[in-house]
Amino acid sequence: VDNDVKFVISNAISPGSSLGNDKISISKNSVPADILDVTIYDRWGQKVFDHEGFEMKGAETKDIIWNGSFGGNDLQSGVYILYISYRDFFGNQKIITSDITLFR
């Protein structure tokens, strides 16, 4: 029996463009997990976005809206680092990271 949580995370967004893609989609398998925090950092390590946690009970997808700005200013196109802190089925707290590309 596989009790590991497996995530699939979108890796590009383009808020404000004609593409209309301002969502970060987080999908996972059917193993329950509590997402504790979703955070995005720029390449210098400054936190530019933070989203509160949520529960993912089954195989589902959650969308997180990020408009690509920080402090009221649009951020430059580029690669940002996405951290997801979660608690797995056994109560262990884990962190996964992913790159996310912001297009303007």
PDB file of N, CA and C in Angstrom:
ATOM      1  N   VAL A   1       0.850  -1.179   0.000  1.00  0.00           N
ATOM      2  CA  VAL A   1       0.000   0.000   0.000  1.00  0.00           C
ATOM      3  C   VAL A   1       0.889   1.233   0.000  1.00  0.00           C
ATOM      4  N   ASP A   2       0.624   2.157  -0.916  1.00  0.00           N
ATOM      5  CA  ASP A   2       1.396   3.394  -1.017  1.00  0.00           C
ATOM      6  C   ASP A   2       0.677   4.487  -0.231  1.00  0.00           C
ATOM      7  N   ASN A   3       1.285   4.926   0.866  1.00  0.00           N
ATOM      8  CA  ASN A   3       0.706   5.976   1.704  1.00  0.00           C
ATOM      9  C   ASN A   3       1.426   7.303   1.549  1.00  0.00           C
ATOM     10  N   ASP A   4       2.245   7.465   0.507  1.00  0.00           N
ATOM     11  CA  ASP A   4       2.957   8.725   0.277  1.00  0.00           C
ATOM     12  C   ASP A   4       2.081   9.689  -0.498  1.00  0.00           C
ATOM     13  N   VAL A   5       2.096  10.941  -0.063  1.00  0.00           N
ATOM     14  CA  VAL A   5       1.388  11.988  -0.778  1.00  0.00           C
ATOM     15  C   VAL A   5       2.217  12.363  -2.003  1.00  0.00           C
ATOM     16  N   LYS A   6       1.576  12.435  -3.136  1.00  0.00           N
ATOM     17  CA  LYS A   6       2.246  12.828  -4.374  1.00  0.00           C
ATOM     18  C   LYS A   6       1.518  14.043  -4.941  1.00  0.00           C
ATOM     19  N   PHE A   7       2.283  15.110  -5.176  1.00  0.00           N
ATOM     20  CA  PHE A   7       1.733  16.361  -5.669  1.00  0.00           C
ATOM     21  C   PHE A   7       2.095  16.588  -7.128  1.00  0.00           C
ATOM     22  N   VAL A   8       1.224  17.295  -7.831  1.00  0.00           N
ATOM     23  CA  VAL A   8       1.495  17.850  -9.148  1.00  0.00           C
ATOM     24  C   VAL A   8       1.159  19.333  -9.036  1.00  0.00           C
ATOM     25  N   ILE A   9       2.147  20.183  -9.358  1.00  0.00           N
ATOM     26  CA  ILE A   9       2.007  21.627  -9.150  1.00  0.00           C
ATOM     27  C   ILE A   9       2.254  22.343 -10.470  1.00  0.00           C
ATOM     28  N   SER A  10       1.367  23.285 -10.804  1.00  0.00           N
ATOM     29  CA  SER A  10       1.587  24.072 -12.020  1.00  0.00           C
ATOM     30  C   SER A  10       2.889  24.842 -11.868  1.00  0.00           C
ATOM     31  N   ASN A  11       3.552  25.120 -12.987  1.00  0.00           N
ATOM     32  CA  ASN A  11       4.873  25.741 -12.886  1.00  0.00           C
ATOM     33  C   ASN A  11       4.992  27.069 -13.620  1.00  0.00           C
ATOM     34  N   ALA A  12       3.879  27.626 -14.087  1.00  0.00           N
ATOM     35  CA  ALA A  12       3.938  28.922 -14.773  1.00  0.00           C
ATOM     36  C   ALA A  12       2.616  29.652 -14.603  1.00  0.00           C
ATOM     37  N   ILE A  13       2.703  30.969 -14.417  1.00  0.00           N
ATOM     38  CA  ILE A  13       1.513  31.811 -14.372  1.00  0.00           C
ATOM     39  C   ILE A  13       1.801  33.090 -15.148  1.00  0.00           C
ATOM     40  N   SER A  14       0.732  33.706 -15.619  1.00  0.00           N
ATOM     41  CA  SER A  14       0.862  34.964 -16.360  1.00  0.00           C
ATOM     42  C   SER A  14      -0.313  35.879 -16.009  1.00  0.00           C
ATOM     43  N   PRO A  15      -0.336  36.392 -14.784  1.00  0.00           N
ATOM     44  CA  PRO A  15      -1.461  37.232 -14.357  1.00  0.00           C
ATOM     45  C   PRO A  15      -1.530  38.527 -15.161  1.00  0.00           C
ATOM     46  N   GLY A  16      -2.739  38.967 -15.437  1.00  0.00           N
ATOM     47  CA  GLY A  16      -2.942  40.217 -16.148  1.00  0.00           C
ATOM     48  C   GLY A  16      -2.718  40.123 -17.645  1.00  0.00           C
ATOM     49  N   SER A  17      -2.392  38.959 -18.156  1.00  0.00           N
ATOM     50  CA  SER A  17      -2.168  38.811 -19.595  1.00  0.00           C
ATOM     51  C   SER A  17      -3.440  38.310 -20.262  1.00  0.00           C
ATOM     52  N   SER A  18      -3.409  38.242 -21.561  1.00  0.00           N
ATOM     53  CA  SER A  18      -4.562  37.724 -22.299  1.00  0.00           C
ATOM     54  C   SER A  18      -4.758  36.232 -22.051  1.00  0.00           C
ATOM     55  N   LEU A  19      -3.721  35.570 -21.524  1.00  0.00           N
ATOM     56  CA  LEU A  19      -3.837  34.145 -21.212  1.00  0.00           C
ATOM     57  C   LEU A  19      -4.722  33.907 -19.992  1.00  0.00           C
ATOM     58  N   GLY A  20      -4.801  34.915 -19.102  1.00  0.00           N
ATOM     59  CA  GLY A  20      -5.668  34.819 -17.937  1.00  0.00           C
ATOM     60  C   GLY A  20      -5.277  33.756 -16.932  1.00  0.00           C
ATOM     61  N   ASN A  21      -4.029  33.387 -16.905  1.00  0.00           N
ATOM     62  CA  ASN A  21      -3.584  32.330 -16.000  1.00  0.00           C
ATOM     63  C   ASN A  21      -2.958  32.940 -14.752  1.00  0.00           C
ATOM     64  N   ASP A  22      -3.761  33.178 -13.727  1.00  0.00           N
ATOM     65  CA  ASP A  22      -3.254  33.742 -12.477  1.00  0.00           C
ATOM     66  C   ASP A  22      -3.432  32.768 -11.322  1.00  0.00           C
ATOM     67  N   LYS A  23      -3.534  31.462 -11.650  1.00  0.00           N
ATOM     68  CA  LYS A  23      -3.746  30.444 -10.630  1.00  0.00           C
ATOM     69  C   LYS A  23      -2.562  29.496 -10.556  1.00  0.00           C
ATOM     70  N   ILE A  24      -2.210  29.135  -9.340  1.00  0.00           N
ATOM     71  CA  ILE A  24      -1.262  28.061  -9.091  1.00  0.00           C
ATOM     72  C   ILE A  24      -2.112  26.861  -8.701  1.00  0.00           C
ATOM     73  N   SER A  25      -2.079  25.813  -9.502  1.00  0.00           N
ATOM     74  CA  SER A  25      -2.882  24.625  -9.233  1.00  0.00           C
ATOM     75  C   SER A  25      -2.041  23.587  -8.504  1.00  0.00           C
ATOM     76  N   ILE A  26      -2.593  23.086  -7.410  1.00  0.00           N
ATOM     77  CA  ILE A  26      -1.949  22.033  -6.632  1.00  0.00           C
ATOM     78  C   ILE A  26      -2.880  20.827  -6.649  1.00  0.00           C
ATOM     79  N   SER A  27      -2.420  19.746  -7.258  1.00  0.00           N
ATOM     80  CA  SER A  27      -3.191  18.503  -7.313  1.00  0.00           C
ATOM     81  C   SER A  27      -2.443  17.442  -6.525  1.00  0.00           C
ATOM     82  N   LYS A  28      -3.169  16.466  -6.028  1.00  0.00           N
ATOM     83  CA  LYS A  28      -2.513  15.379  -5.311  1.00  0.00           C
ATOM     84  C   LYS A  28      -3.304  14.096  -5.458  1.00  0.00           C
ATOM     85  N   ASN A  29      -2.659  13.009  -5.058  1.00  0.00           N
ATOM     86  CA  ASN A  29      -3.313  11.703  -5.091  1.00  0.00           C
ATOM     87  C   ASN A  29      -4.324  11.595  -3.950  1.00  0.00           C
ATOM     88  N   SER A  30      -4.860  10.422  -3.732  1.00  0.00           N
ATOM     89  CA  SER A  30      -5.957  10.253  -2.766  1.00  0.00           C
ATOM     90  C   SER A  30      -5.514  10.168  -1.307  1.00  0.00           C
ATOM     91  N   VAL A  31      -4.215  10.207  -1.027  1.00  0.00           N
ATOM     92  CA  VAL A  31      -3.739  10.159   0.362  1.00  0.00           C
ATOM     93  C   VAL A  31      -4.012  11.516   1.019  1.00  0.00           C
ATOM     94  N   PRO A  32      -4.711  11.549   2.160  1.00  0.00           N
ATOM     95  CA  PRO A  32      -5.032  12.819   2.818  1.00  0.00           C
ATOM     96  C   PRO A  32      -3.785  13.586   3.251  1.00  0.00           C
ATOM     97  N   ALA A  33      -3.882  14.915   3.207  1.00  0.00           N
ATOM     98  CA  ALA A  33      -2.795  15.780   3.662  1.00  0.00           C
ATOM     99  C   ALA A  33      -3.379  17.131   4.059  1.00  0.00           C
ATOM    100  N   ASP A  34      -2.773  17.744   5.054  1.00  0.00           N
ATOM    101  CA  ASP A  34      -3.125  19.101   5.450  1.00  0.00           C
ATOM    102  C   ASP A  34      -2.036  20.026   4.950  1.00  0.00           C
ATOM    103  N   ILE A  35      -2.408  20.950   4.063  1.00  0.00           N
ATOM    104  CA  ILE A  35      -1.464  21.955   3.600  1.00  0.00           C
ATOM    105  C   ILE A  35      -1.394  23.011   4.696  1.00  0.00           C
ATOM    106  N   LEU A  36      -0.212  23.214   5.249  1.00  0.00           N
ATOM    107  CA  LEU A  36      -0.044  24.162   6.351  1.00  0.00           C
ATOM    108  C   LEU A  36       0.200  25.577   5.849  1.00  0.00           C
ATOM    109  N   ASP A  37       0.948  25.700   4.747  1.00  0.00           N
ATOM    110  CA  ASP A  37       1.307  27.022   4.250  1.00  0.00           C
ATOM    111  C   ASP A  37       1.836  26.891   2.831  1.00  0.00           C
ATOM    112  N   VAL A  38       1.512  27.870   1.995  1.00  0.00           N
ATOM    113  CA  VAL A  38       2.064  27.963   0.645  1.00  0.00           C
ATOM    114  C   VAL A  38       2.749  29.319   0.561  1.00  0.00           C
ATOM    115  N   THR A  39       4.046  29.321   0.263  1.00  0.00           N
ATOM    116  CA  THR A  39       4.841  30.543   0.262  1.00  0.00           C
ATOM    117  C   THR A  39       5.646  30.631  -1.026  1.00  0.00           C
ATOM    118  N   ILE A  40       5.781  31.844  -1.549  1.00  0.00           N
ATOM    119  CA  ILE A  40       6.608  32.075  -2.736  1.00  0.00           C
ATOM    120  C   ILE A  40       7.706  33.061  -2.373  1.00  0.00           C
ATOM    121  N   TYR A  41       8.931  32.733  -2.796  1.00  0.00           N
ATOM    122  CA  TYR A  41      10.104  33.572  -2.563  1.00  0.00           C
ATOM    123  C   TYR A  41      10.717  33.977  -3.893  1.00  0.00           C
ATOM    124  N   ASP A  42      11.329  35.182  -3.904  1.00  0.00           N
ATOM    125  CA  ASP A  42      12.072  35.577  -5.104  1.00  0.00           C
ATOM    126  C   ASP A  42      13.471  34.968  -5.058  1.00  0.00           C
ATOM    127  N   ARG A  43      14.278  35.230  -6.057  1.00  0.00           N
ATOM    128  CA  ARG A  43      15.595  34.580  -6.127  1.00  0.00           C
ATOM    129  C   ARG A  43      16.574  35.076  -5.073  1.00  0.00           C
ATOM    130  N   TRP A  44      16.233  36.156  -4.361  1.00  0.00           N
ATOM    131  CA  TRP A  44      17.078  36.655  -3.279  1.00  0.00           C
ATOM    132  C   TRP A  44      16.587  36.186  -1.912  1.00  0.00           C
ATOM    133  N   GLY A  45      15.538  35.376  -1.902  1.00  0.00           N
ATOM    134  CA  GLY A  45      15.039  34.814  -0.661  1.00  0.00           C
ATOM    135  C   GLY A  45      14.005  35.660   0.056  1.00  0.00           C
ATOM    136  N   GLN A  46      13.515  36.706  -0.590  1.00  0.00           N
ATOM    137  CA  GLN A  46      12.490  37.541   0.032  1.00  0.00           C
ATOM    138  C   GLN A  46      11.114  36.919  -0.206  1.00  0.00           C
ATOM    139  N   LYS A  47      10.342  36.809   0.857  1.00  0.00           N
ATOM    140  CA  LYS A  47       8.983  36.272   0.742  1.00  0.00           C
ATOM    141  C   LYS A  47       8.125  37.291   0.005  1.00  0.00           C
ATOM    142  N   VAL A  48       7.503  36.851  -1.105  1.00  0.00           N
ATOM    143  CA  VAL A  48       6.672  37.750  -1.898  1.00  0.00           C
ATOM    144  C   VAL A  48       5.199  37.358  -1.885  1.00  0.00           C
ATOM    145  N   PHE A  49       4.888  36.174  -1.340  1.00  0.00           N
ATOM    146  CA  PHE A  49       3.498  35.724  -1.284  1.00  0.00           C
ATOM    147  C   PHE A  49       3.360  34.656  -0.212  1.00  0.00           C
ATOM    148  N   ASP A  50       2.240  34.698   0.500  1.00  0.00           N
ATOM    149  CA  ASP A  50       1.972  33.703   1.532  1.00  0.00           C
ATOM    150  C   ASP A  50       0.473  33.406   1.526  1.00  0.00           C
ATOM    151  N   HIS A  51       0.141  32.135   1.579  1.00  0.00           N
ATOM    152  CA  HIS A  51      -1.258  31.714   1.579  1.00  0.00           C
ATOM    153  C   HIS A  51      -1.472  30.750   2.736  1.00  0.00           C
ATOM    154  N   GLU A  52      -2.551  30.956   3.477  1.00  0.00           N
ATOM    155  CA  GLU A  52      -2.865  30.083   4.609  1.00  0.00           C
ATOM    156  C   GLU A  52      -3.136  28.661   4.147  1.00  0.00           C
ATOM    157  N   GLY A  53      -3.027  27.757   5.079  1.00  0.00           N
ATOM    158  CA  GLY A  53      -3.219  26.349   4.789  1.00  0.00           C
ATOM    159  C   GLY A  53      -4.658  25.964   4.512  1.00  0.00           C
ATOM    160  N   PHE A  54      -4.815  24.723   4.076  1.00  0.00           N
ATOM    161  CA  PHE A  54      -6.125  24.168   3.779  1.00  0.00           C
ATOM    162  C   PHE A  54      -5.997  22.645   3.790  1.00  0.00           C
ATOM    163  N   GLU A  55      -7.121  21.983   3.850  1.00  0.00           N
ATOM    164  CA  GLU A  55      -7.145  20.527   3.920  1.00  0.00           C
ATOM    165  C   GLU A  55      -7.404  19.950   2.530  1.00  0.00           C
ATOM    166  N   MET A  56      -6.697  18.883   2.205  1.00  0.00           N
ATOM    167  CA  MET A  56      -6.926  18.149   0.959  1.00  0.00           C
ATOM    168  C   MET A  56      -7.170  16.690   1.343  1.00  0.00           C
ATOM    169  N   LYS A  57      -8.426  16.283   1.372  1.00  0.00           N
ATOM    170  CA  LYS A  57      -8.783  14.954   1.864  1.00  0.00           C
ATOM    171  C   LYS A  57      -8.548  13.855   0.839  1.00  0.00           C
ATOM    172  N   GLY A  58      -8.981  14.065  -0.369  1.00  0.00           N
ATOM    173  CA  GLY A  58      -8.862  13.026  -1.392  1.00  0.00           C
ATOM    174  C   GLY A  58      -8.076  13.513  -2.582  1.00  0.00           C
ATOM    175  N   ALA A  59      -8.232  12.806  -3.686  1.00  0.00           N
ATOM    176  CA  ALA A  59      -7.589  13.226  -4.932  1.00  0.00           C
ATOM    177  C   ALA A  59      -8.344  14.450  -5.431  1.00  0.00           C
ATOM    178  N   GLU A  60      -7.713  15.596  -5.357  1.00  0.00           N
ATOM    179  CA  GLU A  60      -8.376  16.838  -5.726  1.00  0.00           C
ATOM    180  C   GLU A  60      -7.350  17.868  -6.161  1.00  0.00           C
ATOM    181  N   THR A  61      -7.853  18.982  -6.664  1.00  0.00           N
ATOM    182  CA  THR A  61      -7.016  20.104  -7.083  1.00  0.00           C
ATOM    183  C   THR A  61      -7.500  21.360  -6.392  1.00  0.00           C
ATOM    184  N   LYS A  62      -6.560  22.124  -5.865  1.00  0.00           N
ATOM    185  CA  LYS A  62      -6.872  23.427  -5.270  1.00  0.00           C
ATOM    186  C   LYS A  62      -6.126  24.480  -6.078  1.00  0.00           C
ATOM    187  N   ASP A  63      -6.798  25.590  -6.340  1.00  0.00           N
ATOM    188  CA  ASP A  63      -6.185  26.704  -7.048  1.00  0.00           C
ATOM    189  C   ASP A  63      -5.920  27.840  -6.077  1.00  0.00           C
ATOM    190  N   ILE A  64      -4.727  28.386  -6.163  1.00  0.00           N
ATOM    191  CA  ILE A  64      -4.347  29.531  -5.343  1.00  0.00           C
ATOM    192  C   ILE A  64      -4.128  30.705  -6.293  1.00  0.00           C
ATOM    193  N   ILE A  65      -4.799  31.804  -6.019  1.00  0.00           N
ATOM    194  CA  ILE A  65      -4.693  32.981  -6.871  1.00  0.00           C
ATOM    195  C   ILE A  65      -3.525  33.847  -6.391  1.00  0.00           C
ATOM    196  N   TRP A  66      -2.622  34.152  -7.313  1.00  0.00           N
ATOM    197  CA  TRP A  66      -1.516  35.091  -7.050  1.00  0.00           C
ATOM    198  C   TRP A  66      -1.436  36.031  -8.234  1.00  0.00           C
ATOM    199  N   ASN A  67      -1.513  37.329  -7.974  1.00  0.00           N
ATOM    200  CA  ASN A  67      -1.521  38.295  -9.063  1.00  0.00           C
ATOM    201  C   ASN A  67      -0.115  38.716  -9.504  1.00  0.00           C
ATOM    202  N   GLY A  68       0.906  38.073  -8.989  1.00  0.00           N
ATOM    203  CA  GLY A  68       2.274  38.375  -9.417  1.00  0.00           C
ATOM    204  C   GLY A  68       2.804  39.690  -8.896  1.00  0.00           C
ATOM    205  N   SER A  69       2.235  40.150  -7.787  1.00  0.00           N
ATOM    206  CA  SER A  69       2.713  41.413  -7.220  1.00  0.00           C
ATOM    207  C   SER A  69       3.168  41.208  -5.781  1.00  0.00           C
ATOM    208  N   PHE A  70       3.890  42.209  -5.294  1.00  0.00           N
ATOM    209  CA  PHE A  70       4.349  42.220  -3.909  1.00  0.00           C
ATOM    210  C   PHE A  70       4.400  43.669  -3.460  1.00  0.00           C
ATOM    211  N   GLY A  71       3.787  43.959  -2.331  1.00  0.00           N
ATOM    212  CA  GLY A  71       3.791  45.324  -1.807  1.00  0.00           C
ATOM    213  C   GLY A  71       3.132  46.319  -2.739  1.00  0.00           C
ATOM    214  N   GLY A  72       2.141  45.854  -3.523  1.00  0.00           N
ATOM    215  CA  GLY A  72       1.426  46.741  -4.432  1.00  0.00           C
ATOM    216  C   GLY A  72       2.128  46.977  -5.759  1.00  0.00           C
ATOM    217  N   ASN A  73       3.283  46.365  -5.971  1.00  0.00           N
ATOM    218  CA  ASN A  73       4.030  46.529  -7.213  1.00  0.00           C
ATOM    219  C   ASN A  73       4.104  45.208  -7.964  1.00  0.00           C
ATOM    220  N   ASP A  74       3.954  45.275  -9.279  1.00  0.00           N
ATOM    221  CA  ASP A  74       4.098  44.074 -10.104  1.00  0.00           C
ATOM    222  C   ASP A  74       5.538  43.602 -10.076  1.00  0.00           C
ATOM    223  N   LEU A  75       5.718  42.314  -9.888  1.00  0.00           N
ATOM    224  CA  LEU A  75       7.058  41.734  -9.908  1.00  0.00           C
ATOM    225  C   LEU A  75       7.490  41.474 -11.348  1.00  0.00           C
ATOM    226  N   GLN A  76       8.792  41.398 -11.540  1.00  0.00           N
ATOM    227  CA  GLN A  76       9.352  41.139 -12.854  1.00  0.00           C
ATOM    228  C   GLN A  76       9.100  39.692 -13.270  1.00  0.00           C
ATOM    229  N   SER A  77       9.080  39.477 -14.564  1.00  0.00           N
ATOM    230  CA  SER A  77       9.045  38.109 -15.076  1.00  0.00           C
ATOM    231  C   SER A  77      10.276  37.382 -14.576  1.00  0.00           C
ATOM    232  N   GLY A  78      10.128  36.119 -14.295  1.00  0.00           N
ATOM    233  CA  GLY A  78      11.269  35.344 -13.829  1.00  0.00           C
ATOM    234  C   GLY A  78      10.830  34.103 -13.073  1.00  0.00           C
ATOM    235  N   VAL A  79      11.817  33.433 -12.516  1.00  0.00           N
ATOM    236  CA  VAL A  79      11.573  32.193 -11.779  1.00  0.00           C
ATOM    237  C   VAL A  79      11.520  32.501 -10.286  1.00  0.00           C
ATOM    238  N   TYR A  80      10.509  31.986  -9.620  1.00  0.00           N
ATOM    239  CA  TYR A  80      10.318  32.145  -8.190  1.00  0.00           C
ATOM    240  C   TYR A  80      10.268  30.749  -7.569  1.00  0.00           C
ATOM    241  N   ILE A  81      10.480  30.684  -6.272  1.00  0.00           N
ATOM    242  CA  ILE A  81      10.499  29.395  -5.582  1.00  0.00           C
ATOM    243  C   ILE A  81       9.228  29.254  -4.753  1.00  0.00           C
ATOM    244  N   LEU A  82       8.534  28.149  -4.954  1.00  0.00           N
ATOM    245  CA  LEU A  82       7.296  27.845  -4.247  1.00  0.00           C
ATOM    246  C   LEU A  82       7.595  26.805  -3.179  1.00  0.00           C
ATOM    247  N   TYR A  83       7.249  27.114  -1.931  1.00  0.00           N
ATOM    248  CA  TYR A  83       7.377  26.174  -0.812  1.00  0.00           C
ATOM    249  C   TYR A  83       5.991  25.781  -0.356  1.00  0.00           C
ATOM    250  N   ILE A  84       5.783  24.489  -0.188  1.00  0.00           N
ATOM    251  CA  ILE A  84       4.535  23.998   0.378  1.00  0.00           C
ATOM    252  C   ILE A  84       4.881  23.179   1.607  1.00  0.00           C
ATOM    253  N   SER A  85       4.392  23.650   2.745  1.00  0.00           N
ATOM    254  CA  SER A  85       4.564  22.925   4.003  1.00  0.00           C
ATOM    255  C   SER A  85       3.272  22.150   4.241  1.00  0.00           C
ATOM    256  N   TYR A  86       3.416  20.849   4.499  1.00  0.00           N
ATOM    257  CA  TYR A  86       2.224  20.034   4.696  1.00  0.00           C
ATOM    258  C   TYR A  86       2.453  18.979   5.767  1.00  0.00           C
ATOM    259  N   ARG A  87       1.338  18.456   6.274  1.00  0.00           N
ATOM    260  CA  ARG A  87       1.366  17.355   7.238  1.00  0.00           C
ATOM    261  C   ARG A  87       0.781  16.139   6.533  1.00  0.00           C
ATOM    262  N   ASP A  88       1.558  15.063   6.515  1.00  0.00           N
ATOM    263  CA  ASP A  88       1.120  13.868   5.794  1.00  0.00           C
ATOM    264  C   ASP A  88       0.149  13.024   6.617  1.00  0.00           C
ATOM    265  N   PHE A  89      -0.250  11.910   6.048  1.00  0.00           N
ATOM    266  CA  PHE A  89      -1.220  10.984   6.639  1.00  0.00           C
ATOM    267  C   PHE A  89      -0.802  10.510   8.036  1.00  0.00           C
ATOM    268  N   PHE A  90       0.513  10.409   8.277  1.00  0.00           N
ATOM    269  CA  PHE A  90       1.029   9.922   9.559  1.00  0.00           C
ATOM    270  C   PHE A  90       1.324  11.039  10.557  1.00  0.00           C
ATOM    271  N   GLY A  91       1.048  12.288  10.176  1.00  0.00           N
ATOM    272  CA  GLY A  91       1.283  13.421  11.063  1.00  0.00           C
ATOM    273  C   GLY A  91       2.664  14.028  10.947  1.00  0.00           C
ATOM    274  N   ASN A  92       3.470  13.568  10.004  1.00  0.00           N
ATOM    275  CA  ASN A  92       4.806  14.121   9.793  1.00  0.00           C
ATOM    276  C   ASN A  92       4.716  15.410   8.986  1.00  0.00           C
ATOM    277  N   GLN A  93       5.415  16.450   9.454  1.00  0.00           N
ATOM    278  CA  GLN A  93       5.440  17.702   8.718  1.00  0.00           C
ATOM    279  C   GLN A  93       6.568  17.656   7.697  1.00  0.00           C
ATOM    280  N   LYS A  94       6.245  18.020   6.452  1.00  0.00           N
ATOM    281  CA  LYS A  94       7.211  17.979   5.364  1.00  0.00           C
ATOM    282  C   LYS A  94       7.115  19.245   4.536  1.00  0.00           C
ATOM    283  N   ILE A  95       8.169  19.504   3.755  1.00  0.00           N
ATOM    284  CA  ILE A  95       8.200  20.649   2.859  1.00  0.00           C
ATOM    285  C   ILE A  95       8.596  20.160   1.471  1.00  0.00           C
ATOM    286  N   ILE A  96       7.860  20.630   0.477  1.00  0.00           N
ATOM    287  CA  ILE A  96       8.271  20.384  -0.897  1.00  0.00           C
ATOM    288  C   ILE A  96       8.494  21.732  -1.567  1.00  0.00           C
ATOM    289  N   THR A  97       9.369  21.770  -2.543  1.00  0.00           N
ATOM    290  CA  THR A  97       9.648  23.006  -3.263  1.00  0.00           C
ATOM    291  C   THR A  97       9.444  22.779  -4.750  1.00  0.00           C
ATOM    292  N   SER A  98       9.171  23.860  -5.431  1.00  0.00           N
ATOM    293  CA  SER A  98       8.984  23.813  -6.868  1.00  0.00           C
ATOM    294  C   SER A  98       9.311  25.192  -7.434  1.00  0.00           C
ATOM    295  N   ASP A  99       9.798  25.212  -8.657  1.00  0.00           N
ATOM    296  CA  ASP A  99       9.977  26.495  -9.359  1.00  0.00           C
ATOM    297  C   ASP A  99       8.642  26.889  -9.966  1.00  0.00           C
ATOM    298  N   ILE A 100       8.413  28.196  -9.985  1.00  0.00           N
ATOM    299  CA  ILE A 100       7.235  28.718 -10.690  1.00  0.00           C
ATOM    300  C   ILE A 100       7.707  29.920 -11.483  1.00  0.00           C
ATOM    301  N   THR A 101       7.359  29.943 -12.772  1.00  0.00           N
ATOM    302  CA  THR A 101       7.787  31.016 -13.652  1.00  0.00           C
ATOM    303  C   THR A 101       6.657  32.016 -13.814  1.00  0.00           C
ATOM    304  N   LEU A 102       6.986  33.273 -13.576  1.00  0.00           N
ATOM    305  CA  LEU A 102       6.042  34.378 -13.723  1.00  0.00           C
ATOM    306  C   LEU A 102       6.313  35.038 -15.072  1.00  0.00           C
ATOM    307  N   PHE A 103       5.285  35.074 -15.919  1.00  0.00           N
ATOM    308  CA  PHE A 103       5.384  35.734 -17.233  1.00  0.00           C
ATOM    309  C   PHE A 103       4.569  37.004 -17.211  1.00  0.00           C
ATOM    310  N   ARG A 104       5.099  38.044 -17.782  1.00  0.00           N
ATOM    311  CA  ARG A 104       4.370  39.310 -17.918  1.00  0.00           C
ATOM    312  C   ARG A 104       4.109  39.582 -19.376  1.00  0.00           C
TER     313      ARG A 104
END
